PDB file of N, CA and C in Angstrom:
ATOM      1  N   MET A   1      82.027 105.156  95.748  1.00  0.00           N
ATOM      2  CA  MET A   1      83.189 104.359  95.956  1.00  0.00           C
ATOM      3  C   MET A   1      82.697 103.854  97.640  1.00  0.00           C
ATOM      4  N   ARG A   2      82.569 102.581  97.626  1.00  0.00           N
ATOM      5  CA  ARG A   2      81.858 101.870  99.054  1.00  0.00           C
ATOM      6  C   ARG A   2      83.385 101.392  99.855  1.00  0.00           C
ATOM      7  N   TYR A   3      84.359 100.871  99.134  1.00  0.00           N
ATOM      8  CA  TYR A   3      85.674 100.383  99.420  1.00  0.00           C
ATOM      9  C   TYR A   3      86.083 101.415 100.752  1.00  0.00           C
ATOM     10  N   ARG A   4      86.099 101.054 102.367  1.00  0.00           N
ATOM     11  CA  ARG A   4      86.420 102.081 103.051  1.00  0.00           C
ATOM     12  C   ARG A   4      87.874 102.417 103.367  1.00  0.00           C
ATOM     13  N   TRP A   5      88.686 101.485 102.408  1.00  0.00           N
ATOM     14  CA  TRP A   5      90.196 101.649 102.703  1.00  0.00           C
ATOM     15  C   TRP A   5      90.714 102.339 101.428  1.00  0.00           C
ATOM     16  N   HIS A   6      89.834 102.886 100.369  1.00  0.00           N
ATOM     17  CA  HIS A   6      90.178 103.283  99.297  1.00  0.00           C
ATOM     18  C   HIS A   6      90.258 104.861  99.122  1.00  0.00           C
ATOM     19  N   ALA A   7      91.481 105.689  98.500  1.00  0.00           N
ATOM     20  CA  ALA A   7      91.354 107.195  98.674  1.00  0.00           C
ATOM     21  C   ALA A   7      90.242 107.579  98.228  1.00  0.00           C
ATOM     22  N   TYR A   8      88.950 107.180  97.466  1.00  0.00           N
ATOM     23  CA  TYR A   8      88.110 107.496  96.973  1.00  0.00           C
ATOM     24  C   TYR A   8      86.748 107.552  97.726  1.00  0.00           C
ATOM     25  N   PHE A   9      86.914 106.413  99.051  1.00  0.00           N
ATOM     26  CA  PHE A   9      85.695 106.071  99.600  1.00  0.00           C
ATOM     27  C   PHE A   9      84.881 107.348 100.210  1.00  0.00           C
ATOM     28  N   GLY A  10      83.369 106.939  99.300  1.00  0.00           N
ATOM     29  CA  GLY A  10      82.433 107.902  99.843  1.00  0.00           C
ATOM     30  C   GLY A  10      82.136 108.731  98.833  1.00  0.00           C
ATOM     31  N   SER A  11      83.257 108.932  97.495  1.00  0.00           N
ATOM     32  CA  SER A  11      83.050 109.856  96.679  1.00  0.00           C
ATOM     33  C   SER A  11      82.078 109.210  95.731  1.00  0.00           C
ATOM     34  N   ASP A  12      81.569 110.030  94.775  1.00  0.00           N
ATOM     35  CA  ASP A  12      80.755 109.957  93.697  1.00  0.00           C
ATOM     36  C   ASP A  12      81.853 109.691  92.439  1.00  0.00           C
ATOM     37  N   VAL A  13      81.313 108.885  91.775  1.00  0.00           N
ATOM     38  CA  VAL A  13      82.754 108.434  90.894  1.00  0.00           C
ATOM     39  C   VAL A  13      81.742 107.991  89.678  1.00  0.00           C
ATOM     40  N   ARG A  14      82.478 108.104  88.275  1.00  0.00           N
ATOM     41  CA  ARG A  14      81.584 108.223  87.130  1.00  0.00           C
ATOM     42  C   ARG A  14      82.299 106.797  86.529  1.00  0.00           C
ATOM     43  N   VAL A  15      81.731 105.986  85.989  1.00  0.00           N
ATOM     44  CA  VAL A  15      82.313 104.516  85.436  1.00  0.00           C
ATOM     45  C   VAL A  15      82.122 104.780  83.942  1.00  0.00           C
ATOM     46  N   PHE A  16      83.324 104.667  83.585  1.00  0.00           N
ATOM     47  CA  PHE A  16      83.414 105.105  81.972  1.00  0.00           C
ATOM     48  C   PHE A  16      83.439 103.870  81.385  1.00  0.00           C
ATOM     49  N   GLN A  17      83.888 102.533  81.826  1.00  0.00           N
ATOM     50  CA  GLN A  17      84.200 101.180  81.008  1.00  0.00           C
ATOM     51  C   GLN A  17      84.344 100.036  82.134  1.00  0.00           C
ATOM     52  N   ALA A  18      83.847  98.731  82.001  1.00  0.00           N
ATOM     53  CA  ALA A  18      83.717  97.612  82.582  1.00  0.00           C
ATOM     54  C   ALA A  18      84.895  96.530  81.975  1.00  0.00           C
ATOM     55  N   HIS A  19      85.534  96.044  82.631  1.00  0.00           N
ATOM     56  CA  HIS A  19      86.435  94.927  81.915  1.00  0.00           C
ATOM     57  C   HIS A  19      86.450  93.863  82.328  1.00  0.00           C
ATOM     58  N   LYS A  20      86.318  92.786  81.885  1.00  0.00           N
ATOM     59  CA  LYS A  20      86.428  91.380  82.311  1.00  0.00           C
ATOM     60  C   LYS A  20      87.606  90.837  81.927  1.00  0.00           C
ATOM     61  N   ARG A  21      88.416  90.631  83.113  1.00  0.00           N
ATOM     62  CA  ARG A  21      89.941  89.960  83.138  1.00  0.00           C
ATOM     63  C   ARG A  21      89.872  88.666  84.085  1.00  0.00           C
ATOM     64  N   GLY A  22      90.862  87.819  84.109  1.00  0.00           N
ATOM     65  CA  GLY A  22      91.030  86.397  84.330  1.00  0.00           C
ATOM     66  C   GLY A  22      90.400  86.499  85.960  1.00  0.00           C
ATOM     67  N   ASP A  23      90.846  87.539  86.289  1.00  0.00           N
ATOM     68  CA  ASP A  23      90.627  87.274  87.977  1.00  0.00           C
ATOM     69  C   ASP A  23      89.404  88.142  88.685  1.00  0.00           C
ATOM     70  N   GLY A  24      88.442  88.644  87.393  1.00  0.00           N
ATOM     71  CA  GLY A  24      87.509  89.265  87.839  1.00  0.00           C
ATOM     72  C   GLY A  24      87.068  90.382  87.079  1.00  0.00           C
ATOM     73  N   GLN A  25      86.184  91.399  87.617  1.00  0.00           N
ATOM     74  CA  GLN A  25      85.725  92.536  86.428  1.00  0.00           C
ATOM     75  C   GLN A  25      86.353  93.771  87.476  1.00  0.00           C
ATOM     76  N   TYR A  26      86.669  94.674  86.523  1.00  0.00           N
ATOM     77  CA  TYR A  26      87.474  95.976  86.617  1.00  0.00           C
ATOM     78  C   TYR A  26      86.436  97.105  86.013  1.00  0.00           C
ATOM     79  N   VAL A  27      86.732  98.176  86.500  1.00  0.00           N
ATOM     80  CA  VAL A  27      85.938  99.214  86.551  1.00  0.00           C
ATOM     81  C   VAL A  27      86.839 100.476  86.229  1.00  0.00           C
ATOM     82  N   ALA A  28      86.590 101.266  84.968  1.00  0.00           N
ATOM     83  CA  ALA A  28      87.512 102.290  84.938  1.00  0.00           C
ATOM     84  C   ALA A  28      86.822 103.690  85.413  1.00  0.00           C
ATOM     85  N   LEU A  29      86.904 104.079  86.478  1.00  0.00           N
ATOM     86  CA  LEU A  29      86.597 105.189  87.126  1.00  0.00           C
ATOM     87  C   LEU A  29      87.335 106.901  87.258  1.00  0.00           C
ATOM     88  N   GLU A  30      86.179 107.535  86.976  1.00  0.00           N
ATOM     89  CA  GLU A  30      86.619 108.972  87.103  1.00  0.00           C
ATOM     90  C   GLU A  30      86.181 109.498  88.591  1.00  0.00           C
ATOM     91  N   ARG A  31      86.744 110.360  89.180  1.00  0.00           N
ATOM     92  CA  ARG A  31      86.367 110.987  90.357  1.00  0.00           C
ATOM     93  C   ARG A  31      86.521 112.695  90.048  1.00  0.00           C
ATOM     94  N   ASP A  32      87.745 113.126  89.580  1.00  0.00           N
ATOM     95  CA  ASP A  32      88.492 114.181  89.200  1.00  0.00           C
ATOM     96  C   ASP A  32      88.317 114.113  87.799  1.00  0.00           C
ATOM     97  N   PRO A  33      87.790 115.440  86.942  1.00  0.00           N
ATOM     98  CA  PRO A  33      88.081 115.720  85.781  1.00  0.00           C
ATOM     99  C   PRO A  33      89.453 115.014  85.283  1.00  0.00           C
ATOM    100  N   GLY A  34      89.483 114.201  84.116  1.00  0.00           N
ATOM    101  CA  GLY A  34      90.560 113.707  83.262  1.00  0.00           C
ATOM    102  C   GLY A  34      91.454 112.739  84.271  1.00  0.00           C
ATOM    103  N   VAL A  35      90.919 112.569  85.523  1.00  0.00           N
ATOM    104  CA  VAL A  35      91.978 111.479  86.174  1.00  0.00           C
ATOM    105  C   VAL A  35      91.052 109.888  86.158  1.00  0.00           C
ATOM    106  N   VAL A  36      91.564 109.296  85.498  1.00  0.00           N
ATOM    107  CA  VAL A  36      90.655 107.798  85.485  1.00  0.00           C
ATOM    108  C   VAL A  36      91.633 106.745  86.086  1.00  0.00           C
ATOM    109  N   ILE A  37      91.213 105.842  87.133  1.00  0.00           N
ATOM    110  CA  ILE A  37      91.679 104.764  87.445  1.00  0.00           C
ATOM    111  C   ILE A  37      90.864 103.854  87.468  1.00  0.00           C
ATOM    112  N   MET A  38      91.683 102.417  87.435  1.00  0.00           N
ATOM    113  CA  MET A  38      91.080 101.299  87.343  1.00  0.00           C
ATOM    114  C   MET A  38      90.962 100.417  88.748  1.00  0.00           C
ATOM    115  N   ALA A  39      89.545  99.893  88.956  1.00  0.00           N
ATOM    116  CA  ALA A  39      89.370  99.248  90.019  1.00  0.00           C
ATOM    117  C   ALA A  39      88.816  97.745  90.007  1.00  0.00           C
ATOM    118  N   PRO A  40      88.782  97.123  91.172  1.00  0.00           N
ATOM    119  CA  PRO A  40      88.238  95.954  90.661  1.00  0.00           C
ATOM    120  C   PRO A  40      86.539  96.265  91.027  1.00  0.00           C
ATOM    121  N   ALA A  41      85.689  95.744  90.514  1.00  0.00           N
ATOM    122  CA  ALA A  41      84.126  96.132  90.404  1.00  0.00           C
ATOM    123  C   ALA A  41      83.839  95.954  91.993  1.00  0.00           C
ATOM    124  N   TRP A  42      83.805  94.970  92.522  1.00  0.00           N
ATOM    125  CA  TRP A  42      83.315  94.632  93.663  1.00  0.00           C
ATOM    126  C   TRP A  42      83.586  96.071  95.022  1.00  0.00           C
ATOM    127  N   VAL A  43      84.756  97.008  94.418  1.00  0.00           N
ATOM    128  CA  VAL A  43      84.644  98.199  95.612  1.00  0.00           C
ATOM    129  C   VAL A  43      83.331  99.283  95.101  1.00  0.00           C
ATOM    130  N   LEU A  44      82.415  98.989  94.201  1.00  0.00           N
ATOM    131  CA  LEU A  44      81.261  99.966  94.277  1.00  0.00           C
ATOM    132  C   LEU A  44      80.332  99.343  94.993  1.00  0.00           C
ATOM    133  N   ASP A  45      80.229  98.245  95.398  1.00  0.00           N
ATOM    134  CA  ASP A  45      79.510  97.023  95.920  1.00  0.00           C
ATOM    135  C   ASP A  45      79.330  97.449  97.369  1.00  0.00           C
ATOM    136  N   ALA A  46      78.188  98.040  97.782  1.00  0.00           N
ATOM    137  CA  ALA A  46      77.782  97.809  99.246  1.00  0.00           C
ATOM    138  C   ALA A  46      77.518  96.795 100.095  1.00  0.00           C
ATOM    139  N   VAL A  47      77.339  95.829  99.459  1.00  0.00           N
ATOM    140  CA  VAL A  47      76.820  94.749 100.059  1.00  0.00           C
ATOM    141  C   VAL A  47      78.075  93.944 100.444  1.00  0.00           C
ATOM    142  N   VAL A  48      79.082  93.614  99.287  1.00  0.00           N
ATOM    143  CA  VAL A  48      80.219  93.148  99.461  1.00  0.00           C
ATOM    144  C   VAL A  48      81.224  94.249 100.523  1.00  0.00           C
ATOM    145  N   CYS A  49      81.208  95.218 100.048  1.00  0.00           N
ATOM    146  CA  CYS A  49      82.315  96.345 101.170  1.00  0.00           C
ATOM    147  C   CYS A  49      81.609  95.965 102.603  1.00  0.00           C
ATOM    148  N   SER A  50      80.644  95.884 102.674  1.00  0.00           N
ATOM    149  CA  SER A  50      79.919  95.980 104.389  1.00  0.00           C
ATOM    150  C   SER A  50      80.299  94.716 105.213  1.00  0.00           C
ATOM    151  N   THR A  51      80.608  93.681 104.387  1.00  0.00           N
ATOM    152  CA  THR A  51      81.164  92.428 105.073  1.00  0.00           C
ATOM    153  C   THR A  51      82.615  92.397 105.576  1.00  0.00           C
ATOM    154  N   LEU A  52      83.467  93.426 105.184  1.00  0.00           N
ATOM    155  CA  LEU A  52      84.753  93.732 105.370  1.00  0.00           C
ATOM    156  C   LEU A  52      85.030  94.419 106.672  1.00  0.00           C
ATOM    157  N   SER A  53      85.993  93.986 107.510  1.00  0.00           N
ATOM    158  CA  SER A  53      86.325  94.778 108.684  1.00  0.00           C
ATOM    159  C   SER A  53      87.649  94.886 109.144  1.00  0.00           C
ATOM    160  N   LEU A  54      88.046  95.715 109.894  1.00  0.00           N
ATOM    161  CA  LEU A  54      89.174  95.954 110.062  1.00  0.00           C
ATOM    162  C   LEU A  54      89.306  94.832 110.979  1.00  0.00           C
ATOM    163  N   GLY A  55      91.003  93.889 111.180  1.00  0.00           N
ATOM    164  CA  GLY A  55      91.120  92.908 111.824  1.00  0.00           C
ATOM    165  C   GLY A  55      92.418  93.627 112.433  1.00  0.00           C
ATOM    166  N   ALA A  56      92.857  92.738 113.462  1.00  0.00           N
ATOM    167  CA  ALA A  56      94.262  92.535 114.214  1.00  0.00           C
ATOM    168  C   ALA A  56      95.476  93.045 112.838  1.00  0.00           C
ATOM    169  N   PRO A  57      96.211  94.134 113.274  1.00  0.00           N
ATOM    170  CA  PRO A  57      97.888  94.337 112.465  1.00  0.00           C
ATOM    171  C   PRO A  57      98.269  92.769 112.260  1.00  0.00           C
ATOM    172  N   LEU A  58      98.837  92.668 110.847  1.00  0.00           N
ATOM    173  CA  LEU A  58      99.672  91.293 110.531  1.00  0.00           C
ATOM    174  C   LEU A  58     101.287  91.960 110.397  1.00  0.00           C
ATOM    175  N   ALA A  59     101.347  93.091 110.595  1.00  0.00           N
ATOM    176  CA  ALA A  59     102.703  93.488 110.322  1.00  0.00           C
ATOM    177  C   ALA A  59     103.259  94.504 111.277  1.00  0.00           C
ATOM    178  N   SER A  60     104.194  94.694 111.957  1.00  0.00           N
ATOM    179  CA  SER A  60     104.413  95.715 112.873  1.00  0.00           C
ATOM    180  C   SER A  60     104.980  97.108 112.326  1.00  0.00           C
ATOM    181  N   ILE A  61     105.020  98.216 113.063  1.00  0.00           N
ATOM    182  CA  ILE A  61     105.572  99.266 112.554  1.00  0.00           C
ATOM    183  C   ILE A  61     106.822  98.907 112.403  1.00  0.00           C
ATOM    184  N   ALA A  62     107.738  98.586 113.087  1.00  0.00           N
ATOM    185  CA  ALA A  62     109.304  98.271 112.945  1.00  0.00           C
ATOM    186  C   ALA A  62     109.175  97.398 111.910  1.00  0.00           C
ATOM    187  N   ALA A  63     108.642  96.544 111.535  1.00  0.00           N
ATOM    188  CA  ALA A  63     108.956  95.501 110.266  1.00  0.00           C
ATOM    189  C   ALA A  63     108.701  96.304 109.054  1.00  0.00           C
ATOM    190  N   LEU A  64     107.625  97.107 109.134  1.00  0.00           N
ATOM    191  CA  LEU A  64     107.292  98.354 107.877  1.00  0.00           C
ATOM    192  C   LEU A  64     108.317  99.197 107.934  1.00  0.00           C
ATOM    193  N   ASN A  65     109.007  99.963 108.955  1.00  0.00           N
ATOM    194  CA  ASN A  65     110.028 100.504 108.461  1.00  0.00           C
ATOM    195  C   ASN A  65     111.149  99.837 108.251  1.00  0.00           C
ATOM    196  N   ASP A  66     111.675  98.482 108.471  1.00  0.00           N
ATOM    197  CA  ASP A  66     112.550  97.846 108.027  1.00  0.00           C
ATOM    198  C   ASP A  66     112.366  97.301 106.549  1.00  0.00           C
ATOM    199  N   LEU A  67     111.099  97.202 106.296  1.00  0.00           N
ATOM    200  CA  LEU A  67     110.793  97.231 104.636  1.00  0.00           C
ATOM    201  C   LEU A  67     111.045  98.294 103.785  1.00  0.00           C
ATOM    202  N   HIS A  68     110.773  99.521 104.360  1.00  0.00           N
ATOM    203  CA  HIS A  68     110.991 100.615 103.661  1.00  0.00           C
ATOM    204  C   HIS A  68     112.558 100.724 103.825  1.00  0.00           C
ATOM    205  N   GLY A  69     113.537 100.515 104.716  1.00  0.00           N
ATOM    206  CA  GLY A  69     115.149 100.302 104.601  1.00  0.00           C
ATOM    207  C   GLY A  69     115.385  99.731 103.562  1.00  0.00           C
ATOM    208  N   VAL A  70     114.581  98.615 103.174  1.00  0.00           N
ATOM    209  CA  VAL A  70     115.210  97.689 102.158  1.00  0.00           C
ATOM    210  C   VAL A  70     115.059  98.055 100.827  1.00  0.00           C
ATOM    211  N   PHE A  71     113.709  98.623 100.554  1.00  0.00           N
ATOM    212  CA  PHE A  71     113.342  98.987  99.431  1.00  0.00           C
ATOM    213  C   PHE A  71     114.577 100.436  99.049  1.00  0.00           C
ATOM    214  N   ALA A  72     114.189 101.583 100.308  1.00  0.00           N
ATOM    215  CA  ALA A  72     115.087 102.513 100.224  1.00  0.00           C
ATOM    216  C   ALA A  72     116.672 102.223  99.268  1.00  0.00           C
ATOM    217  N   SER A  73     117.204 101.075 100.227  1.00  0.00           N
ATOM    218  CA  SER A  73     118.573 100.984  99.688  1.00  0.00           C
ATOM    219  C   SER A  73     118.405 100.043  98.134  1.00  0.00           C
ATOM    220  N   LEU A  74     117.676  99.495  97.648  1.00  0.00           N
ATOM    221  CA  LEU A  74     117.582  98.641  96.343  1.00  0.00           C
ATOM    222  C   LEU A  74     117.138 100.147  95.619  1.00  0.00           C
ATOM    223  N   ARG A  75     116.826 101.438  95.914  1.00  0.00           N
ATOM    224  CA  ARG A  75     116.453 102.507  94.902  1.00  0.00           C
ATOM    225  C   ARG A  75     115.024 102.325  94.318  1.00  0.00           C
ATOM    226  N   PHE A  76     114.128 101.365  95.500  1.00  0.00           N
ATOM    227  CA  PHE A  76     112.779 101.220  94.893  1.00  0.00           C
ATOM    228  C   PHE A  76     111.993 102.435  95.625  1.00  0.00           C
ATOM    229  N   ARG A  77     112.278 103.368  96.277  1.00  0.00           N
ATOM    230  CA  ARG A  77     111.689 104.441  97.100  1.00  0.00           C
ATOM    231  C   ARG A  77     112.586 105.542  96.504  1.00  0.00           C
ATOM    232  N   ARG A  78     111.871 106.648  96.183  1.00  0.00           N
ATOM    233  CA  ARG A  78     112.667 107.843  95.602  1.00  0.00           C
ATOM    234  C   ARG A  78     111.732 109.058  96.195  1.00  0.00           C
ATOM    235  N   SER A  79     112.364 109.959  96.546  1.00  0.00           N
ATOM    236  CA  SER A  79     112.094 111.144  97.211  1.00  0.00           C
ATOM    237  C   SER A  79     112.032 112.238  96.180  1.00  0.00           C
ATOM    238  N   PHE A  80     110.767 113.138  95.986  1.00  0.00           N
ATOM    239  CA  PHE A  80     110.568 113.905  94.994  1.00  0.00           C
ATOM    240  C   PHE A  80     110.735 115.466  95.809  1.00  0.00           C
ATOM    241  N   VAL A  81     111.124 115.576  96.713  1.00  0.00           N
ATOM    242  CA  VAL A  81     111.783 116.508  97.252  1.00  0.00           C
ATOM    243  C   VAL A  81     112.909 117.429  96.390  1.00  0.00           C
ATOM    244  N   ASP A  82     112.661 118.624  95.627  1.00  0.00           N
ATOM    245  CA  ASP A  82     113.623 119.330  94.750  1.00  0.00           C
ATOM    246  C   ASP A  82     113.840 118.619  93.878  1.00  0.00           C
ATOM    247  N   GLU A  83     112.920 118.077  93.254  1.00  0.00           N
ATOM    248  CA  GLU A  83     113.191 117.381  91.939  1.00  0.00           C
ATOM    249  C   GLU A  83     111.729 117.856  91.084  1.00  0.00           C
ATOM    250  N   GLU A  84     112.300 117.982  89.862  1.00  0.00           N
ATOM    251  CA  GLU A  84     111.582 118.236  88.785  1.00  0.00           C
ATOM    252  C   GLU A  84     110.726 117.136  88.232  1.00  0.00           C
ATOM    253  N   SER A  85     110.581 116.168  88.644  1.00  0.00           N
ATOM    254  CA  SER A  85     110.175 114.524  87.940  1.00  0.00           C
ATOM    255  C   SER A  85     108.667 114.801  87.776  1.00  0.00           C
ATOM    256  N   THR A  86     107.925 115.570  88.599  1.00  0.00           N
ATOM    257  CA  THR A  86     106.640 115.548  88.193  1.00  0.00           C
ATOM    258  C   THR A  86     105.937 116.838  87.402  1.00  0.00           C
ATOM    259  N   GLN A  87     105.175 116.393  86.961  1.00  0.00           N
ATOM    260  CA  GLN A  87     104.222 117.633  85.759  1.00  0.00           C
ATOM    261  C   GLN A  87     102.967 117.450  86.001  1.00  0.00           C
ATOM    262  N   GLU A  88     102.149 118.471  86.147  1.00  0.00           N
ATOM    263  CA  GLU A  88     101.150 118.903  85.962  1.00  0.00           C
ATOM    264  C   GLU A  88     100.718 118.212  84.834  1.00  0.00           C
ATOM    265  N   ALA A  89      99.292 117.231  84.552  1.00  0.00           N
ATOM    266  CA  ALA A  89      98.616 117.292  83.110  1.00  0.00           C
ATOM    267  C   ALA A  89      97.857 118.314  83.004  1.00  0.00           C
ATOM    268  N   GLU A  90      97.869 118.521  81.460  1.00  0.00           N
ATOM    269  CA  GLU A  90      96.875 119.750  81.156  1.00  0.00           C
ATOM    270  C   GLU A  90      95.798 119.099  81.013  1.00  0.00           C
ATOM    271  N   TYR A  91      95.089 120.140  81.323  1.00  0.00           N
ATOM    272  CA  TYR A  91      93.543 119.986  81.302  1.00  0.00           C
ATOM    273  C   TYR A  91      93.204 120.223  79.699  1.00  0.00           C
ATOM    274  N   ASP A  92      92.098 119.575  79.229  1.00  0.00           N
ATOM    275  CA  ASP A  92      91.691 119.456  78.097  1.00  0.00           C
ATOM    276  C   ASP A  92      90.132 120.506  78.260  1.00  0.00           C
ATOM    277  N   PRO A  93      89.933 121.675  78.172  1.00  0.00           N
ATOM    278  CA  PRO A  93      88.510 122.362  78.092  1.00  0.00           C
ATOM    279  C   PRO A  93      87.760 121.801  77.145  1.00  0.00           C
ATOM    280  N   GLY A  94      88.229 121.132  76.311  1.00  0.00           N
ATOM    281  CA  GLY A  94      87.126 120.891  75.187  1.00  0.00           C
ATOM    282  C   GLY A  94      86.725 119.155  75.513  1.00  0.00           C
ATOM    283  N   THR A  95      86.641 118.580  76.762  1.00  0.00           N
ATOM    284  CA  THR A  95      86.578 117.376  77.020  1.00  0.00           C
ATOM    285  C   THR A  95      84.913 117.667  77.353  1.00  0.00           C
ATOM    286  N   LYS A  96      83.720 116.646  77.412  1.00  0.00           N
ATOM    287  CA  LYS A  96      82.331 116.383  78.051  1.00  0.00           C
ATOM    288  C   LYS A  96      82.576 117.284  79.482  1.00  0.00           C
ATOM    289  N   ASP A  97      81.415 118.033  79.503  1.00  0.00           N
ATOM    290  CA  ASP A  97      81.266 118.320  80.974  1.00  0.00           C
ATOM    291  C   ASP A  97      80.355 117.238  81.842  1.00  0.00           C
ATOM    292  N   ARG A  98      81.736 117.249  82.553  1.00  0.00           N
ATOM    293  CA  ARG A  98      81.453 115.898  83.959  1.00  0.00           C
ATOM    294  C   ARG A  98      80.748 116.030  85.465  1.00  0.00           C
ATOM    295  N   SER A  99      80.046 117.437  85.376  1.00  0.00           N
ATOM    296  CA  SER A  99      79.533 117.730  86.670  1.00  0.00           C
ATOM    297  C   SER A  99      78.390 116.561  86.884  1.00  0.00           C
ATOM    298  N   SER A 100      78.112 115.905  85.902  1.00  0.00           N
ATOM    299  CA  SER A 100      77.081 115.255  86.420  1.00  0.00           C
ATOM    300  C   SER A 100      77.277 113.519  86.872  1.00  0.00           C
ATOM    301  N   ALA A 101      78.530 113.794  87.245  1.00  0.00           N
ATOM    302  CA  ALA A 101      79.281 112.283  87.366  1.00  0.00           C
ATOM    303  C   ALA A 101      78.442 111.711  88.498  1.00  0.00           C
ATOM    304  N   VAL A 102      78.327 110.347  87.825  1.00  0.00           N
ATOM    305  CA  VAL A 102      77.529 109.504  88.989  1.00  0.00           C
ATOM    306  C   VAL A 102      78.179 107.942  89.075  1.00  0.00           C
ATOM    307  N   ALA A 103      78.012 107.347  90.296  1.00  0.00           N
ATOM    308  CA  ALA A 103      78.473 105.899  90.587  1.00  0.00           C
ATOM    309  C   ALA A 103      77.605 104.720  89.812  1.00  0.00           C
ATOM    310  N   ALA A 104      77.917 104.097  89.331  1.00  0.00           N
ATOM    311  CA  ALA A 104      77.405 102.446  89.038  1.00  0.00           C
ATOM    312  C   ALA A 104      76.961 102.048  89.919  1.00  0.00           C
ATOM    313  N   THR A 105      75.661 101.383  90.088  1.00  0.00           N
ATOM    314  CA  THR A 105      74.949 101.167  91.117  1.00  0.00           C
ATOM    315  C   THR A 105      74.769  99.907  90.916  1.00  0.00           C
ATOM    316  N   PRO A 106      75.299  98.796  92.102  1.00  0.00           N
ATOM    317  CA  PRO A 106      74.877  97.402  92.123  1.00  0.00           C
ATOM    318  C   PRO A 106      73.713  97.172  92.295  1.00  0.00           C
ATOM    319  N   SER A 107      73.185  95.804  91.764  1.00  0.00           N
ATOM    320  CA  SER A 107      71.694  95.636  92.185  1.00  0.00           C
ATOM    321  C   SER A 107      71.449  95.425  93.573  1.00  0.00           C
ATOM    322  N   SER A 108      70.032  95.218  93.806  1.00  0.00           N
ATOM    323  CA  SER A 108      69.764  95.506  95.043  1.00  0.00           C
ATOM    324  C   SER A 108      70.285  93.994  96.060  1.00  0.00           C
ATOM    325  N   GLN A 109      71.009  92.945  95.230  1.00  0.00           N
ATOM    326  CA  GLN A 109      70.998  92.142  95.974  1.00  0.00           C
ATOM    327  C   GLN A 109      72.300  91.911  95.087  1.00  0.00           C
ATOM    328  N   SER A 110      73.838  92.026  96.099  1.00  0.00           N
ATOM    329  CA  SER A 110      75.098  91.424  95.151  1.00  0.00           C
ATOM    330  C   SER A 110      75.135  89.898  95.345  1.00  0.00           C
ATOM    331  N   ASN A 111      75.458  89.560  93.926  1.00  0.00           N
ATOM    332  CA  ASN A 111      75.754  87.990  93.694  1.00  0.00           C
ATOM    333  C   ASN A 111      77.259  88.334  93.312  1.00  0.00           C
ATOM    334  N   TYR A 112      78.253  89.160  93.622  1.00  0.00           N
ATOM    335  CA  TYR A 112      79.567  89.280  93.189  1.00  0.00           C
ATOM    336  C   TYR A 112      80.336  88.353  93.680  1.00  0.00           C
ATOM    337  N   SER A 113      80.917  87.591  92.418  1.00  0.00           N
ATOM    338  CA  SER A 113      81.973  86.396  93.117  1.00  0.00           C
ATOM    339  C   SER A 113      83.265  86.945  92.689  1.00  0.00           C
ATOM    340  N   ASN A 114      84.623  87.109  93.775  1.00  0.00           N
ATOM    341  CA  ASN A 114      85.827  87.547  93.438  1.00  0.00           C
ATOM    342  C   ASN A 114      86.638  86.370  92.832  1.00  0.00           C
ATOM    343  N   ASP A 115      85.825  85.311  92.674  1.00  0.00           N
ATOM    344  CA  ASP A 115      86.838  84.043  92.503  1.00  0.00           C
ATOM    345  C   ASP A 115      87.161  84.368  90.705  1.00  0.00           C
ATOM    346  N   THR A 116      88.217  83.714  90.456  1.00  0.00           N
ATOM    347  CA  THR A 116      88.517  84.040  89.085  1.00  0.00           C
ATOM    348  C   THR A 116      87.673  83.556  87.883  1.00  0.00           C
ATOM    349  N   GLY A 117      87.002  84.407  87.312  1.00  0.00           N
ATOM    350  CA  GLY A 117      86.378  84.388  86.249  1.00  0.00           C
ATOM    351  C   GLY A 117      84.801  84.640  87.034  1.00  0.00           C
ATOM    352  N   GLY A 118      84.842  85.119  87.861  1.00  0.00           N
ATOM    353  CA  GLY A 118      83.455  85.565  88.827  1.00  0.00           C
ATOM    354  C   GLY A 118      82.747  86.746  88.072  1.00  0.00           C
ATOM    355  N   GLU A 119      81.145  86.483  88.130  1.00  0.00           N
ATOM    356  CA  GLU A 119      80.757  87.732  87.539  1.00  0.00           C
ATOM    357  C   GLU A 119      79.982  88.707  88.670  1.00  0.00           C
ATOM    358  N   GLY A 120      80.025  89.909  88.341  1.00  0.00           N
ATOM    359  CA  GLY A 120      79.180  90.567  88.964  1.00  0.00           C
ATOM    360  C   GLY A 120      77.710  90.958  88.617  1.00  0.00           C
ATOM    361  N   SER A 121      76.831  91.532  89.437  1.00  0.00           N
ATOM    362  CA  SER A 121      76.043  91.793  89.208  1.00  0.00           C
ATOM    363  C   SER A 121      75.581  93.467  89.090  1.00  0.00           C
ATOM    364  N   TRP A 122      76.100  94.380  88.088  1.00  0.00           N
ATOM    365  CA  TRP A 122      76.090  95.621  88.201  1.00  0.00           C
ATOM    366  C   TRP A 122      75.602  96.332  87.003  1.00  0.00           C
ATOM    367  N   VAL A 123      74.720  97.297  87.697  1.00  0.00           N
ATOM    368  CA  VAL A 123      73.878  98.289  86.786  1.00  0.00           C
ATOM    369  C   VAL A 123      74.624  99.288  86.200  1.00  0.00           C
ATOM    370  N   LEU A 124      75.234  99.329  85.222  1.00  0.00           N
ATOM    371  CA  LEU A 124      76.007 100.669  84.437  1.00  0.00           C
ATOM    372  C   LEU A 124      75.678 101.476  83.613  1.00  0.00           C
ATOM    373  N   PRO A 125      75.786 102.952  84.052  1.00  0.00           N
ATOM    374  CA  PRO A 125      74.933 103.675  83.641  1.00  0.00           C
ATOM    375  C   PRO A 125      75.365 103.855  82.091  1.00  0.00           C
ATOM    376  N   SER A 126      74.352 104.185  81.214  1.00  0.00           N
ATOM    377  CA  SER A 126      74.945 104.313  79.585  1.00  0.00           C
ATOM    378  C   SER A 126      75.165 105.893  79.481  1.00  0.00           C
ATOM    379  N   TYR A 127      76.275 105.844  78.693  1.00  0.00           N
ATOM    380  CA  TYR A 127      76.853 107.221  78.442  1.00  0.00           C
ATOM    381  C   TYR A 127      77.158 107.528  76.954  1.00  0.00           C
TER     382      TYR A 127
END
């Protein structure tokens, strides 16, 4: 994972599938056994991600706290303290050994475009 603001940044991930959608290419990724997420394909591209930088904040902490208050009042924010609403998924030991998980590697020069219908230049491992 090359996108520095993603929770999986720096992790090796396994690419299960690539999907073309109207707004670009997406990949199904697995870092931890049994946990698959969808992400835009460009998050694996070192060339694209190296052009991204941290800019000045666009929202103040006070504004974010106010927004949290609005969401909480509309019950869009939940607290899971003392709730039984989450359960750990069962692990299926019959699944394939994923100890050799690897990330998809972009070609040496990126030509990825995130314009609608853009194509990526991706070398996806075959499984």
